[in-house]
Each structure stands twice: as structure tokens, then as C-alpha cells.
């Protein structure tokens, strides 16, 4: 299913035969077992092999997806649960066109620079995506290295900066068919 939906997107925008930009980015994604091990290695500070609710405070992207990851609902993310989530991505779209909206104190945040950076455990050399919000708080994200017809699925840190209001904040998000779908609401 992933390959078929990606093929349709690639054909519709004429990406096939143009240097393989989509393939180049997607081939950098980590295997599920490696992504799970990387997430635990990065955020498991007490060395017990899982990410606790306390450790999730330093892992905003995983915290955003915790309810989809924590299958036994014990408040901890195990390597097996993380690996199962990454394996589930095989049934998701490769790329998702995402409409981003940013709000601060429940109001649209205009003039903010938004940068989504894939978590390091998602793969080597994956590009970031950036954009500036409109008066209504929405923004279009563009790849920092190459234009893609959407964002690769996975976990991201969203860095939001609005200098006039003194805002410089990082929040987490998950891009996936069953997480954000085509809409991503970032609230401060």
C-alpha cells in the first residue's frame, strides 16, 4: 500500500526520473528495530530499557505519540512497543501533505518560524522542514534540502520562534496517517 500511494504522488508531480529526491530521503530512514533502539538509547536515562513518564518530559515527540505507542498502558515506552509503532508505519503513507497551524494561548500565532526536525533515531541525514506562519497562524513547510510532496512519517521536534513576542519553544509531534493525518496543530 505504501509503495502504491507513493507512486501515485510521484507520478502526479513528476518526481520519477528527476534524480530520485523522494527515494533519496526515504532510503535514509532507520529500520524499525534500529529506530526503537535509538529512541531508547537517547531517552532512557536510568538504563532500565524503557522510557518512563519522567523521561518522556525530555522527549516531546515521543510524548506526543505515547498513547499510540504504549500498548499495555503502563505509562512506559518499551523497546518492543516502539518497534511495533515503527513497524506499523509500513501500512502508512510514505509522505503526508500536512497543513500546519500554530497557536499561542489559543490564538493563531502570526510571523513565527516553524522548523520540524526529524528525531535522530528516525534515520541518518533526514532533512528538516521550515516555514513562516501567516496572520492566521498557518504555514507551508518546505524541505531545507529538497522539495518533497509532503513530510515523511515519523517523529519530529517542532522549533517555533516568534521574536517579537519572545517565543522560542520546542514541542513534539508525530506525522502519521493515524496521528496527524493531513493536519498538524502546534499549541504553545
C-alpha atoms as a PDB file:
ATOM      1  CA  UNK A   1       0.000   0.000   0.000  1.00  0.00           C
ATOM      2  CA  UNK A   2       2.797   2.442   0.865  1.00  0.00           C
ATOM      3  CA  UNK A   3       4.552   1.956  -2.447  1.00  0.00           C
ATOM      4  CA  UNK A   4       1.349   2.329  -4.456  1.00  0.00           C
ATOM      5  CA  UNK A   5       0.280   5.597  -2.777  1.00  0.00           C
ATOM      6  CA  UNK A   6       3.797   6.978  -3.076  1.00  0.00           C
ATOM      7  CA  UNK A   7       3.926   6.013  -6.756  1.00  0.00           C
ATOM      8  CA  UNK A   8       0.699   7.918  -7.416  1.00  0.00           C
ATOM      9  CA  UNK A   9       2.093  11.014  -5.667  1.00  0.00           C
ATOM     10  CA  UNK A  10       5.387  10.733  -7.535  1.00  0.00           C
ATOM     11  CA  UNK A  11       3.678  10.370 -10.894  1.00  0.00           C
ATOM     12  CA  UNK A  12       1.288  13.232 -10.232  1.00  0.00           C
ATOM     13  CA  UNK A  13       4.106  15.693  -9.515  1.00  0.00           C
ATOM     14  CA  UNK A  14       6.627  14.311 -11.974  1.00  0.00           C
ATOM     15  CA  UNK A  15       9.223  13.202  -9.439  1.00  0.00           C
ATOM     16  CA  UNK A  16      10.044   9.888 -11.123  1.00  0.00           C
ATOM     17  CA  UNK A  17      13.148  10.253 -13.215  1.00  0.00           C
ATOM     18  CA  UNK A  18      14.175  13.572 -11.654  1.00  0.00           C
ATOM     19  CA  UNK A  19      17.117  12.436  -9.564  1.00  0.00           C
ATOM     20  CA  UNK A  20      15.151  10.340  -7.050  1.00  0.00           C
ATOM     21  CA  UNK A  21      14.711  13.034  -4.375  1.00  0.00           C
ATOM     22  CA  UNK A  22      11.892  11.161  -2.656  1.00  0.00           C
ATOM     23  CA  UNK A  23      13.747   7.852  -2.817  1.00  0.00           C
ATOM     24  CA  UNK A  24      16.928   9.532  -1.564  1.00  0.00           C
ATOM     25  CA  UNK A  25      15.171  10.853   1.560  1.00  0.00           C
ATOM     26  CA  UNK A  26      13.150   7.697   2.257  1.00  0.00           C
ATOM     27  CA  UNK A  27      16.186   5.427   1.879  1.00  0.00           C
ATOM     28  CA  UNK A  28      17.753   7.240   4.845  1.00  0.00           C
ATOM     29  CA  UNK A  29      15.008   6.119   7.230  1.00  0.00           C
ATOM     30  CA  UNK A  30      16.098   3.771  10.002  1.00  0.00           C
ATOM     31  CA  UNK A  31      14.806   0.201  10.183  1.00  0.00           C
ATOM     32  CA  UNK A  32      12.144  -0.245  12.920  1.00  0.00           C
ATOM     33  CA  UNK A  33      14.487  -2.221  15.185  1.00  0.00           C
ATOM     34  CA  UNK A  34      17.194   0.451  14.831  1.00  0.00           C
ATOM     35  CA  UNK A  35      14.775   3.354  15.371  1.00  0.00           C
ATOM     36  CA  UNK A  36      13.404   1.716  18.533  1.00  0.00           C
ATOM     37  CA  UNK A  37      16.896   1.021  19.889  1.00  0.00           C
ATOM     38  CA  UNK A  38      17.954   4.589  19.064  1.00  0.00           C
ATOM     39  CA  UNK A  39      14.955   6.096  20.840  1.00  0.00           C
ATOM     40  CA  UNK A  40      15.596   4.052  23.979  1.00  0.00           C
ATOM     41  CA  UNK A  41      19.324   4.831  23.884  1.00  0.00           C
ATOM     42  CA  UNK A  42      18.592   8.559  23.536  1.00  0.00           C
ATOM     43  CA  UNK A  43      15.922   8.959  26.217  1.00  0.00           C
ATOM     44  CA  UNK A  44      16.318   6.067  28.714  1.00  0.00           C
ATOM     45  CA  UNK A  45      18.392   7.947  31.291  1.00  0.00           C
ATOM     46  CA  UNK A  46      18.067   5.395  34.121  1.00  0.00           C
ATOM     47  CA  UNK A  47      19.120   2.459  31.934  1.00  0.00           C
ATOM     48  CA  UNK A  48      16.122   0.231  32.635  1.00  0.00           C
ATOM     49  CA  UNK A  49      15.469  -0.403  28.929  1.00  0.00           C
ATOM     50  CA  UNK A  50      12.326   1.689  28.652  1.00  0.00           C
ATOM     51  CA  UNK A  51      11.273   5.319  28.587  1.00  0.00           C
ATOM     52  CA  UNK A  52       9.362   6.345  31.709  1.00  0.00           C
ATOM     53  CA  UNK A  53       6.796   9.106  32.050  1.00  0.00           C
ATOM     54  CA  UNK A  54       9.505  11.219  33.725  1.00  0.00           C
ATOM     55  CA  UNK A  55      11.945  10.554  30.845  1.00  0.00           C
ATOM     56  CA  UNK A  56       9.226  11.457  28.308  1.00  0.00           C
ATOM     57  CA  UNK A  57       9.417  15.041  29.574  1.00  0.00           C
ATOM     58  CA  UNK A  58      12.722  15.276  27.654  1.00  0.00           C
ATOM     59  CA  UNK A  59      11.244  13.503  24.597  1.00  0.00           C
ATOM     60  CA  UNK A  60       8.449  15.783  23.332  1.00  0.00           C
ATOM     61  CA  UNK A  61       7.970  13.934  20.029  1.00  0.00           C
ATOM     62  CA  UNK A  62       7.567  10.556  21.724  1.00  0.00           C
ATOM     63  CA  UNK A  63       5.337  12.138  24.361  1.00  0.00           C
ATOM     64  CA  UNK A  64       3.078  13.383  21.548  1.00  0.00           C
ATOM     65  CA  UNK A  65       2.710   9.806  20.258  1.00  0.00           C
ATOM     66  CA  UNK A  66       2.758   7.971  23.604  1.00  0.00           C
ATOM     67  CA  UNK A  67      -0.905   6.970  23.550  1.00  0.00           C
ATOM     68  CA  UNK A  68      -0.357   5.221  20.183  1.00  0.00           C
ATOM     69  CA  UNK A  69       2.880   3.567  21.369  1.00  0.00           C
ATOM     70  CA  UNK A  70       2.098   2.452  24.938  1.00  0.00           C
ATOM     71  CA  UNK A  71       0.072  -0.648  24.041  1.00  0.00           C
ATOM     72  CA  UNK A  72      -0.124  -2.003  27.606  1.00  0.00           C
ATOM     73  CA  UNK A  73      -0.886   1.470  29.009  1.00  0.00           C
ATOM     74  CA  UNK A  74       1.620   1.240  31.843  1.00  0.00           C
ATOM     75  CA  UNK A  75       2.951   4.756  31.256  1.00  0.00           C
ATOM     76  CA  UNK A  76       6.296   3.422  29.991  1.00  0.00           C
ATOM     77  CA  UNK A  77       7.503   3.015  26.396  1.00  0.00           C
ATOM     78  CA  UNK A  78       9.414  -0.227  25.917  1.00  0.00           C
ATOM     79  CA  UNK A  79      11.709  -1.044  23.014  1.00  0.00           C
ATOM     80  CA  UNK A  80       9.158  -3.625  21.817  1.00  0.00           C
ATOM     81  CA  UNK A  81       6.330  -1.069  21.887  1.00  0.00           C
ATOM     82  CA  UNK A  82       8.454   1.447  19.995  1.00  0.00           C
ATOM     83  CA  UNK A  83       9.462  -1.153  17.437  1.00  0.00           C
ATOM     84  CA  UNK A  84       5.808  -2.139  16.946  1.00  0.00           C
ATOM     85  CA  UNK A  85       4.951   1.514  16.268  1.00  0.00           C
ATOM     86  CA  UNK A  86       7.740   1.859  13.712  1.00  0.00           C
ATOM     87  CA  UNK A  87       6.692  -1.426  12.082  1.00  0.00           C
ATOM     88  CA  UNK A  88       3.113  -0.112  11.857  1.00  0.00           C
ATOM     89  CA  UNK A  89       4.431   2.665   9.610  1.00  0.00           C
ATOM     90  CA  UNK A  90       4.745   0.033   6.858  1.00  0.00           C
ATOM     91  CA  UNK A  91       0.943   0.322   6.494  1.00  0.00           C
ATOM     92  CA  UNK A  92       1.003   4.131   6.378  1.00  0.00           C
ATOM     93  CA  UNK A  93       1.610   6.585   3.575  1.00  0.00           C
ATOM     94  CA  UNK A  94       5.293   7.326   2.970  1.00  0.00           C
ATOM     95  CA  UNK A  95       4.661  11.063   2.695  1.00  0.00           C
ATOM     96  CA  UNK A  96       1.838  13.148   4.108  1.00  0.00           C
ATOM     97  CA  UNK A  97       0.931  16.618   2.868  1.00  0.00           C
ATOM     98  CA  UNK A  98       0.465  18.462   6.145  1.00  0.00           C
ATOM     99  CA  UNK A  99      -1.402  21.707   6.844  1.00  0.00           C
ATOM    100  CA  UNK A 100       0.348  23.268   9.853  1.00  0.00           C
ATOM    101  CA  UNK A 101      -1.372  25.635  12.274  1.00  0.00           C
ATOM    102  CA  UNK A 102       0.382  27.265  15.232  1.00  0.00           C
ATOM    103  CA  UNK A 103      -1.370  28.805  18.212  1.00  0.00           C
ATOM    104  CA  UNK A 104      -0.179  30.505  21.373  1.00  0.00           C
ATOM    105  CA  UNK A 105      -2.625  30.915  24.235  1.00  0.00           C
ATOM    106  CA  UNK A 106      -5.362  29.534  21.946  1.00  0.00           C
ATOM    107  CA  UNK A 107      -4.863  32.284  19.358  1.00  0.00           C
ATOM    108  CA  UNK A 108      -3.227  31.976  15.928  1.00  0.00           C
ATOM    109  CA  UNK A 109       0.470  32.825  16.082  1.00  0.00           C
ATOM    110  CA  UNK A 110       1.484  35.002  13.097  1.00  0.00           C
ATOM    111  CA  UNK A 111       5.060  35.597  11.939  1.00  0.00           C
ATOM    112  CA  UNK A 112       6.542  32.538  13.621  1.00  0.00           C
ATOM    113  CA  UNK A 113       9.284  30.493  12.017  1.00  0.00           C
ATOM    114  CA  UNK A 114       8.442  26.804  12.346  1.00  0.00           C
ATOM    115  CA  UNK A 115      11.103  24.144  11.806  1.00  0.00           C
ATOM    116  CA  UNK A 116      10.289  20.444  12.004  1.00  0.00           C
ATOM    117  CA  UNK A 117      13.400  18.330  12.511  1.00  0.00           C
ATOM    118  CA  UNK A 118      13.187  14.528  12.447  1.00  0.00           C
ATOM    119  CA  UNK A 119      14.285  12.864  15.657  1.00  0.00           C
ATOM    120  CA  UNK A 120      17.832  11.475  15.156  1.00  0.00           C
ATOM    121  CA  UNK A 121      16.682   7.883  15.675  1.00  0.00           C
ATOM    122  CA  UNK A 122      14.378   8.211  12.627  1.00  0.00           C
ATOM    123  CA  UNK A 123      17.376   7.881  10.292  1.00  0.00           C
ATOM    124  CA  UNK A 124      20.631   9.379   9.093  1.00  0.00           C
ATOM    125  CA  UNK A 125      20.684  12.678   7.227  1.00  0.00           C
ATOM    126  CA  UNK A 126      16.938  13.294   7.022  1.00  0.00           C
ATOM    127  CA  UNK A 127      16.146  16.875   6.105  1.00  0.00           C
ATOM    128  CA  UNK A 128      14.251  19.402   8.199  1.00  0.00           C
ATOM    129  CA  UNK A 129      11.190  21.348   7.024  1.00  0.00           C
ATOM    130  CA  UNK A 130      10.603  25.026   7.658  1.00  0.00           C
ATOM    131  CA  UNK A 131       8.037  27.765   7.060  1.00  0.00           C
ATOM    132  CA  UNK A 132       6.690  31.052   8.448  1.00  0.00           C
ATOM    133  CA  UNK A 133       3.161  31.378   9.775  1.00  0.00           C
ATOM    134  CA  UNK A 134       0.597  33.698   8.203  1.00  0.00           C
ATOM    135  CA  UNK A 135      -1.649  36.120  10.118  1.00  0.00           C
ATOM    136  CA  UNK A 136      -3.996  33.159  10.645  1.00  0.00           C
ATOM    137  CA  UNK A 137      -1.237  31.003  12.164  1.00  0.00           C
ATOM    138  CA  UNK A 138      -0.917  28.576   9.240  1.00  0.00           C
ATOM    139  CA  UNK A 139       2.236  27.796   7.309  1.00  0.00           C
ATOM    140  CA  UNK A 140       3.519  25.755   4.421  1.00  0.00           C
ATOM    141  CA  UNK A 141       6.624  23.724   5.196  1.00  0.00           C
ATOM    142  CA  UNK A 142       9.415  23.299   2.666  1.00  0.00           C
ATOM    143  CA  UNK A 143      12.311  20.881   2.843  1.00  0.00           C
ATOM    144  CA  UNK A 144      15.639  22.507   3.654  1.00  0.00           C
ATOM    145  CA  UNK A 145      17.478  20.377   1.072  1.00  0.00           C
ATOM    146  CA  UNK A 146      14.848  19.412  -1.499  1.00  0.00           C
ATOM    147  CA  UNK A 147      11.160  19.868  -2.179  1.00  0.00           C
ATOM    148  CA  UNK A 148       9.026  16.838  -1.423  1.00  0.00           C
ATOM    149  CA  UNK A 149       5.263  16.476  -1.891  1.00  0.00           C
ATOM    150  CA  UNK A 150       4.781  16.005   1.850  1.00  0.00           C
ATOM    151  CA  UNK A 151       6.604  15.085   5.039  1.00  0.00           C
ATOM    152  CA  UNK A 152       7.953  11.587   5.680  1.00  0.00           C
ATOM    153  CA  UNK A 153       6.126   9.858   8.503  1.00  0.00           C
ATOM    154  CA  UNK A 154       7.808   9.767  11.872  1.00  0.00           C
ATOM    155  CA  UNK A 155       8.602  11.751  14.999  1.00  0.00           C
ATOM    156  CA  UNK A 156       9.702  15.388  14.819  1.00  0.00           C
ATOM    157  CA  UNK A 157      10.757  18.188  17.112  1.00  0.00           C
ATOM    158  CA  UNK A 158       8.967  21.396  16.138  1.00  0.00           C
ATOM    159  CA  UNK A 159      11.012  24.507  16.932  1.00  0.00           C
ATOM    160  CA  UNK A 160       8.793  27.601  16.963  1.00  0.00           C
ATOM    161  CA  UNK A 161      10.359  31.061  17.084  1.00  0.00           C
ATOM    162  CA  UNK A 162       8.441  34.352  17.084  1.00  0.00           C
ATOM    163  CA  UNK A 163      10.969  37.018  18.013  1.00  0.00           C
ATOM    164  CA  UNK A 164       8.592  39.969  18.503  1.00  0.00           C
ATOM    165  CA  UNK A 165       6.720  38.032  21.204  1.00  0.00           C
ATOM    166  CA  UNK A 166       9.832  36.443  22.699  1.00  0.00           C
ATOM    167  CA  UNK A 167       8.731  32.920  21.802  1.00  0.00           C
ATOM    168  CA  UNK A 168      11.391  30.240  21.317  1.00  0.00           C
ATOM    169  CA  UNK A 169       9.891  26.849  22.115  1.00  0.00           C
ATOM    170  CA  UNK A 170      10.271  23.218  21.088  1.00  0.00           C
ATOM    171  CA  UNK A 171       7.282  20.890  21.031  1.00  0.00           C
ATOM    172  CA  UNK A 172       6.989  17.388  19.650  1.00  0.00           C
ATOM    173  CA  UNK A 173       4.770  15.845  17.032  1.00  0.00           C
ATOM    174  CA  UNK A 174       4.206  12.657  15.107  1.00  0.00           C
ATOM    175  CA  UNK A 175       3.423  12.684  11.418  1.00  0.00           C
ATOM    176  CA  UNK A 176       1.441   9.557  10.517  1.00  0.00           C
ATOM    177  CA  UNK A 177      -1.864   8.628   8.943  1.00  0.00           C
ATOM    178  CA  UNK A 178      -3.396   7.832  12.344  1.00  0.00           C
ATOM    179  CA  UNK A 179      -1.710  10.679  14.243  1.00  0.00           C
ATOM    180  CA  UNK A 180      -1.809  13.998  12.485  1.00  0.00           C
ATOM    181  CA  UNK A 181      -3.340  12.914   9.207  1.00  0.00           C
ATOM    182  CA  UNK A 182      -3.166  15.961   6.984  1.00  0.00           C
ATOM    183  CA  UNK A 183      -3.434  18.493   9.818  1.00  0.00           C
ATOM    184  CA  UNK A 184      -0.874  19.399  12.430  1.00  0.00           C
ATOM    185  CA  UNK A 185      -1.860  21.699  15.279  1.00  0.00           C
ATOM    186  CA  UNK A 186       1.088  23.013  17.292  1.00  0.00           C
ATOM    187  CA  UNK A 187      -0.061  24.706  20.507  1.00  0.00           C
ATOM    188  CA  UNK A 188       2.071  26.708  22.913  1.00  0.00           C
END
